[in-house]
Amino acid sequence: MIHTVTFNPSVDYIVHIPSVTVGVTNRSLHEELYFGGKGINVSCVLRELGVSSVAHGFKAGFTGQAIEDHLRSLDIATHFIPLPRGNSRINVKLSADCETEINGQGPDIPSDALKELISALSQLREGDTLVLAGSIPSSLPQDTYETILKIVSAKSIRCVVDASGELLVNTLSYHPFLVKPNLRELEDIFSVKIVTMHDVERYGSRLLARGAQNVLVSMGCEGALLIDGDGLYYGMPALPVQTVNTVGAGDSMVAGFLAGYDKSGDPEEALRLGTVCGAATASLPGLATKETIDALASAFANH
């Protein structure tokens, strides 16, 4: 079973408006509502691929309940721990002549709620996969990922870390099955400017040397590069889709990679499906759908 963790899930409220004038009433053309967070995105795309998962995290107030209700309506199993105060965050995105985002802070997470989540994750079984994705809220210890990995590392559990900076680097000693930095995150980790594919290979390999079992670097329109535990490189070009939305594309790639790897055990096939899922999300206002994934997979096979 695949288990995903989202510490700070959100309701994303997207308002389409011709332009924004400060100090007066602005009226929208139309609105969209999405329920998100990196781990939740992984679970949703896995569902489109016919793969079951359990979405873990925290919920607060009416927005937290709406997030959990949405996931359950998709037949995604959930384990969201209720928080005593606040509301799960609302992110407001104004889509006008220029994009403006106002992201909510989210509720404080008390230590007893974190202990409850860690206790639940400690019950994972050998052969399970755990996906830790996104940043850690300021109300939690910043070594929370390491605490979780220390507990589950005693079992044969595949761990995936999709995070940035020191948050990712500090997990490498626990030998995660997969880490997935994007190009900018890889640059930030090593304080370098990456120009060539050789640079991607060089710095991605450093993450492998520090403990990761597989390194998947997403590069947007340049495609993706996978470096496996044997030090083999697998490159995959980006699919020629019109980009509508980049939010969740990396999470979709993680979902596709895991589904592909579980099905075939072949890193290259896993990378191929991951690339298709990332492109499917990029081509849609929301996350990848089964129909779009199937259509792009067919086109990719004939490419």
Protein backbone atom coordinates (compact mmCIF):
# COMPACT_ATOMS: atom_id res chain seq x y z
CA MET A 1 0.00 0.00 0.00
CA ILE A 2 1.14 3.53 -0.76
CA HIS A 3 0.77 6.10 2.02
CA THR A 4 1.09 9.84 1.40
CA VAL A 5 1.59 12.58 3.99
CA THR A 6 0.40 16.18 3.64
CA PHE A 7 1.06 18.29 6.73
CA ASN A 8 -0.65 21.43 5.48
CA PRO A 9 -3.42 20.60 2.94
CA SER A 10 -5.28 23.40 1.25
CA VAL A 11 -8.37 24.56 -0.54
CA ASP A 12 -7.17 26.40 -3.65
CA TYR A 13 -9.64 29.06 -4.74
CA ILE A 14 -8.80 30.36 -8.21
CA VAL A 15 -10.53 33.57 -9.30
CA HIS A 16 -10.42 34.56 -12.96
CA ILE A 17 -10.72 38.32 -13.33
CA PRO A 18 -9.90 40.73 -16.20
CA SER A 19 -7.74 42.95 -14.00
CA VAL A 20 -7.34 43.85 -10.34
CA THR A 21 -8.01 47.36 -9.05
CA VAL A 22 -7.04 47.94 -5.44
CA GLY A 23 -9.56 49.68 -3.21
CA VAL A 24 -12.73 48.90 -5.16
CA THR A 25 -15.01 45.90 -5.65
CA ASN A 26 -13.68 43.56 -8.34
CA ARG A 27 -15.98 41.00 -9.95
CA SER A 28 -14.78 37.69 -11.27
CA LEU A 29 -15.46 36.12 -14.64
CA HIS A 30 -15.54 32.64 -13.09
CA GLU A 31 -13.96 30.65 -10.28
CA GLU A 32 -12.43 27.21 -9.75
CA LEU A 33 -12.00 25.22 -6.56
CA TYR A 34 -9.36 22.54 -5.99
CA PHE A 35 -8.27 20.54 -2.98
CA GLY A 36 -4.55 20.11 -2.74
CA GLY A 37 -1.23 19.67 -1.08
CA LYS A 38 1.64 17.66 -2.52
CA GLY A 39 0.84 14.34 -0.86
CA ILE A 40 -2.84 14.70 -1.67
CA ASN A 41 -1.95 15.37 -5.30
CA VAL A 42 0.04 12.12 -5.40
CA SER A 43 -2.91 10.18 -3.98
CA CYS A 44 -5.34 11.75 -6.48
CA VAL A 45 -3.20 10.90 -9.51
CA LEU A 46 -2.58 7.38 -8.19
CA ARG A 47 -6.34 6.99 -8.08
CA GLU A 48 -6.55 7.93 -11.77
CA LEU A 49 -3.97 5.20 -12.43
CA GLY A 50 -6.04 2.62 -10.56
CA VAL A 51 -3.62 2.46 -7.61
CA SER A 52 -4.92 2.61 -4.04
CA SER A 53 -3.34 4.79 -1.40
CA VAL A 54 -4.00 6.21 2.05
CA ALA A 55 -3.75 10.00 2.44
CA HIS A 56 -2.46 11.04 5.88
CA GLY A 57 -2.29 14.51 7.36
CA PHE A 58 -4.07 17.02 9.54
CA LYS A 59 -7.41 18.75 9.16
CA ALA A 60 -8.88 21.77 10.91
CA GLY A 61 -12.28 23.44 10.76
CA PHE A 62 -14.77 23.35 7.91
CA THR A 63 -12.09 23.58 5.23
CA GLY A 64 -10.26 20.57 6.61
CA GLN A 65 -13.47 18.59 6.63
CA ALA A 66 -14.19 19.64 3.03
CA ILE A 67 -10.75 18.37 1.96
CA GLU A 68 -11.30 15.01 3.60
CA ASP A 69 -14.85 14.72 2.23
CA HIS A 70 -13.54 15.39 -1.28
CA LEU A 71 -10.93 12.65 -1.03
CA ARG A 72 -13.45 10.18 0.32
CA SER A 73 -15.81 11.03 -2.55
CA LEU A 74 -13.00 9.82 -4.83
CA ASP A 75 -12.72 6.58 -2.83
CA ILE A 76 -9.32 7.60 -1.50
CA ALA A 77 -8.78 6.29 2.03
CA THR A 78 -7.84 9.01 4.52
CA HIS A 79 -6.32 9.33 7.96
CA PHE A 80 -6.53 13.03 8.80
CA ILE A 81 -5.99 13.96 12.43
CA PRO A 82 -8.37 16.71 13.59
CA LEU A 83 -6.76 19.79 15.11
CA PRO A 84 -8.39 21.65 18.00
CA ARG A 85 -8.20 25.16 16.53
CA GLY A 86 -8.12 27.03 13.26
CA ASN A 87 -8.97 26.02 9.72
CA SER A 88 -7.03 24.20 7.04
CA ARG A 89 -5.63 26.88 4.78
CA ILE A 90 -7.27 28.54 1.81
CA ASN A 91 -4.98 29.69 -1.00
CA VAL A 92 -6.43 32.43 -3.16
CA LYS A 93 -5.07 32.74 -6.68
CA LEU A 94 -6.05 35.73 -8.80
CA SER A 95 -5.74 34.96 -12.49
CA ALA A 96 -5.76 38.33 -14.23
CA ASP A 97 -3.37 40.25 -16.48
CA CYS A 98 -0.73 38.98 -14.06
CA GLU A 99 -0.93 36.10 -11.57
CA THR A 100 -1.28 36.95 -7.88
CA GLU A 101 -1.33 34.41 -5.08
CA ILE A 102 -2.28 34.79 -1.43
CA ASN A 103 -1.43 31.58 0.42
CA GLY A 104 -2.90 30.87 3.81
CA GLN A 105 -0.69 30.09 6.80
CA GLY A 106 -2.64 27.06 8.00
CA PRO A 107 -3.36 25.99 11.59
CA ASP A 108 -0.83 25.33 14.32
CA ILE A 109 -0.18 21.63 14.84
CA PRO A 110 0.26 20.71 18.52
CA SER A 111 2.81 18.10 19.57
CA ASP A 112 0.18 15.53 20.57
CA ALA A 113 -1.31 15.64 17.06
CA LEU A 114 2.13 15.04 15.55
CA LYS A 115 2.66 12.12 17.91
CA GLU A 116 -0.65 10.65 16.75
CA LEU A 117 0.41 10.90 13.11
CA ILE A 118 3.81 9.35 13.81
CA SER A 119 2.15 6.54 15.74
CA ALA A 120 -0.07 5.80 12.74
CA LEU A 121 2.89 5.80 10.35
CA SER A 122 4.79 3.45 12.65
CA GLN A 123 2.12 0.85 11.86
CA LEU A 124 3.08 0.69 8.19
CA ARG A 125 4.01 -2.79 7.04
CA GLU A 126 6.95 -4.18 5.15
CA GLY A 127 6.48 -3.63 1.44
CA ASP A 128 4.50 -0.40 1.94
CA THR A 129 5.56 2.88 0.33
CA LEU A 130 5.61 6.18 2.22
CA VAL A 131 5.58 9.51 0.36
CA LEU A 132 6.75 12.58 2.30
CA ALA A 133 6.09 15.64 0.18
CA GLY A 134 6.29 19.36 0.68
CA SER A 135 7.51 21.69 3.38
CA ILE A 136 7.09 21.32 7.12
CA PRO A 137 4.84 23.91 8.83
CA SER A 138 6.59 26.30 11.20
CA SER A 139 4.67 24.92 14.19
CA LEU A 140 6.38 21.53 13.76
CA PRO A 141 10.02 20.59 14.42
CA GLN A 142 11.95 20.98 11.19
CA ASP A 143 13.48 17.52 11.63
CA THR A 144 10.04 15.86 11.50
CA TYR A 145 10.86 14.01 8.27
CA GLU A 146 13.96 12.57 9.88
CA THR A 147 11.97 11.51 12.93
CA ILE A 148 9.48 9.67 10.72
CA LEU A 149 12.18 8.05 8.58
CA LYS A 150 14.08 6.89 11.67
CA ILE A 151 10.97 5.03 12.82
CA VAL A 152 10.06 3.40 9.51
CA SER A 153 13.63 2.62 8.44
CA ALA A 154 13.66 -0.42 10.68
CA LYS A 155 11.16 -2.00 8.27
CA SER A 156 11.42 -2.70 4.55
CA ILE A 157 9.38 0.36 3.61
CA ARG A 158 10.10 2.34 0.46
CA CYS A 159 10.30 6.02 1.29
CA VAL A 160 9.92 8.83 -1.23
CA VAL A 161 10.96 12.38 -0.37
CA ASP A 162 9.81 15.29 -2.52
CA ALA A 163 11.13 18.35 -0.72
CA SER A 164 13.64 21.12 -1.20
CA GLY A 165 16.90 22.31 0.29
CA GLU A 166 18.17 21.03 3.61
CA LEU A 167 14.83 19.33 4.22
CA LEU A 168 15.64 16.89 1.42
CA VAL A 169 19.37 16.67 2.09
CA ASN A 170 18.84 15.77 5.75
CA THR A 171 16.81 12.68 4.77
CA LEU A 172 19.53 11.15 2.58
CA SER A 173 21.23 9.28 5.41
CA TYR A 174 18.04 7.21 5.71
CA HIS A 175 18.48 6.01 2.12
CA PRO A 176 15.10 7.00 0.66
CA PHE A 177 13.96 4.90 -2.28
CA LEU A 178 13.39 8.02 -4.38
CA VAL A 179 14.07 11.74 -4.11
CA LYS A 180 12.64 14.13 -6.70
CA PRO A 181 14.17 17.58 -6.87
CA ASN A 182 13.34 19.83 -9.77
CA LEU A 183 16.08 21.70 -11.60
CA ARG A 184 15.88 24.83 -9.45
CA GLU A 185 15.88 22.81 -6.24
CA LEU A 186 18.96 20.89 -7.40
CA GLU A 187 20.68 24.21 -8.09
CA ASP A 188 19.73 25.53 -4.66
CA ILE A 189 21.00 22.44 -2.85
CA PHE A 190 24.49 22.82 -4.31
CA SER A 191 24.46 26.63 -4.78
CA VAL A 192 25.30 26.29 -8.48
CA LYS A 193 23.87 27.24 -11.86
CA ILE A 194 23.04 24.15 -13.90
CA VAL A 195 23.50 24.72 -17.63
CA THR A 196 24.08 21.35 -19.32
CA MET A 197 22.74 17.83 -18.98
CA HIS A 198 26.18 16.85 -17.73
CA ASP A 199 25.61 19.27 -14.83
CA VAL A 200 22.30 17.57 -14.03
CA GLU A 201 23.98 14.17 -14.03
CA ARG A 202 26.86 15.43 -11.92
CA TYR A 203 24.81 16.99 -9.15
CA GLY A 204 22.06 14.39 -9.24
CA SER A 205 24.74 11.74 -8.74
CA ARG A 206 25.90 13.57 -5.64
CA LEU A 207 22.50 12.98 -4.06
CA LEU A 208 22.89 9.31 -4.95
CA ALA A 209 26.32 9.24 -3.32
CA ARG A 210 24.88 10.77 -0.16
CA GLY A 211 22.36 7.98 0.27
CA ALA A 212 19.40 8.21 -2.12
CA GLN A 213 18.58 4.96 -3.94
CA ASN A 214 17.10 6.72 -6.97
CA VAL A 215 17.21 10.38 -8.00
CA LEU A 216 14.55 11.78 -10.32
CA VAL A 217 15.18 15.31 -11.56
CA SER A 218 12.23 17.01 -13.24
CA MET A 219 13.32 19.67 -15.72
CA GLY A 220 10.09 21.12 -17.13
CA CYS A 221 10.29 21.57 -20.89
CA GLU A 222 13.68 19.80 -20.87
CA GLY A 223 12.10 16.53 -19.71
CA ALA A 224 13.37 14.44 -16.81
CA LEU A 225 16.44 12.48 -15.77
CA LEU A 226 16.51 9.40 -13.54
CA ILE A 227 19.68 8.11 -11.91
CA ASP A 228 19.14 4.66 -10.41
CA GLY A 229 20.96 2.80 -7.66
CA ASP A 230 23.39 1.28 -10.14
CA GLY A 231 24.38 4.73 -11.34
CA LEU A 232 22.61 4.29 -14.68
CA TYR A 233 21.10 7.35 -16.37
CA TYR A 234 17.66 7.35 -17.98
CA GLY A 235 16.61 10.48 -19.84
CA MET A 236 13.08 11.19 -20.98
CA PRO A 237 12.07 14.11 -23.23
CA ALA A 238 9.19 16.36 -22.31
CA LEU A 239 5.94 15.64 -24.13
CA PRO A 240 4.85 18.37 -26.57
CA VAL A 241 1.78 19.63 -24.71
CA GLN A 242 0.49 23.16 -24.28
CA THR A 243 1.21 24.07 -20.67
CA VAL A 244 -1.88 25.29 -18.85
CA ASN A 245 -0.83 24.65 -15.27
CA THR A 246 2.40 23.61 -13.56
CA VAL A 247 0.97 23.16 -10.05
CA GLY A 248 1.02 19.47 -9.16
CA ALA A 249 3.00 18.38 -12.22
CA GLY A 250 5.92 17.19 -10.10
CA ASP A 251 3.57 15.37 -7.73
CA SER A 252 1.95 13.71 -10.73
CA MET A 253 5.37 12.58 -11.93
CA VAL A 254 5.99 10.95 -8.54
CA ALA A 255 2.63 9.17 -8.71
CA GLY A 256 3.29 7.92 -12.23
CA PHE A 257 6.78 6.74 -11.36
CA LEU A 258 5.55 4.76 -8.36
CA ALA A 259 2.65 3.21 -10.29
CA GLY A 260 4.95 2.35 -13.19
CA TYR A 261 7.62 0.87 -10.96
CA ASP A 262 5.11 -1.24 -9.02
CA LYS A 263 3.73 -2.60 -12.28
CA SER A 264 6.96 -3.32 -14.14
CA GLY A 265 9.92 -3.05 -11.78
CA ASP A 266 11.64 -1.29 -14.69
CA PRO A 267 13.07 2.18 -13.88
CA GLU A 268 12.79 3.34 -17.49
CA GLU A 269 9.14 2.32 -17.77
CA ALA A 270 8.47 4.00 -14.42
CA LEU A 271 10.11 7.18 -15.70
CA ARG A 272 8.04 7.02 -18.88
CA LEU A 273 4.75 6.84 -16.98
CA GLY A 274 5.93 9.53 -14.58
CA THR A 275 6.70 11.82 -17.51
CA VAL A 276 3.28 11.16 -19.04
CA CYS A 277 1.49 11.94 -15.76
CA GLY A 278 3.45 15.15 -15.25
CA ALA A 279 2.62 16.28 -18.77
CA ALA A 280 -1.05 15.35 -18.32
CA THR A 281 -1.33 17.63 -15.31
CA ALA A 282 0.58 20.42 -17.07
CA SER A 283 -1.94 20.31 -19.92
CA LEU A 284 -5.01 20.67 -17.65
CA PRO A 285 -6.38 23.28 -15.23
CA GLY A 286 -6.29 20.67 -12.45
CA LEU A 287 -4.61 17.32 -11.93
CA ALA A 288 -4.12 14.58 -14.52
CA THR A 289 -7.15 12.48 -15.42
CA LYS A 290 -7.19 8.87 -16.59
CA GLU A 291 -8.40 9.94 -20.03
CA THR A 292 -5.59 12.44 -20.51
CA ILE A 293 -2.96 10.03 -19.18
CA ASP A 294 -4.13 7.28 -21.53
CA ALA A 295 -4.20 9.64 -24.53
CA LEU A 296 -0.71 10.99 -23.85
CA ALA A 297 0.68 7.53 -23.14
CA SER A 298 -0.60 6.35 -26.52
CA ALA A 299 0.86 9.39 -28.27
CA PHE A 300 4.17 8.93 -26.45
CA ALA A 301 4.37 5.29 -27.49
CA ASN A 302 4.06 6.38 -31.12
CA HIS A 303 6.41 9.35 -30.72
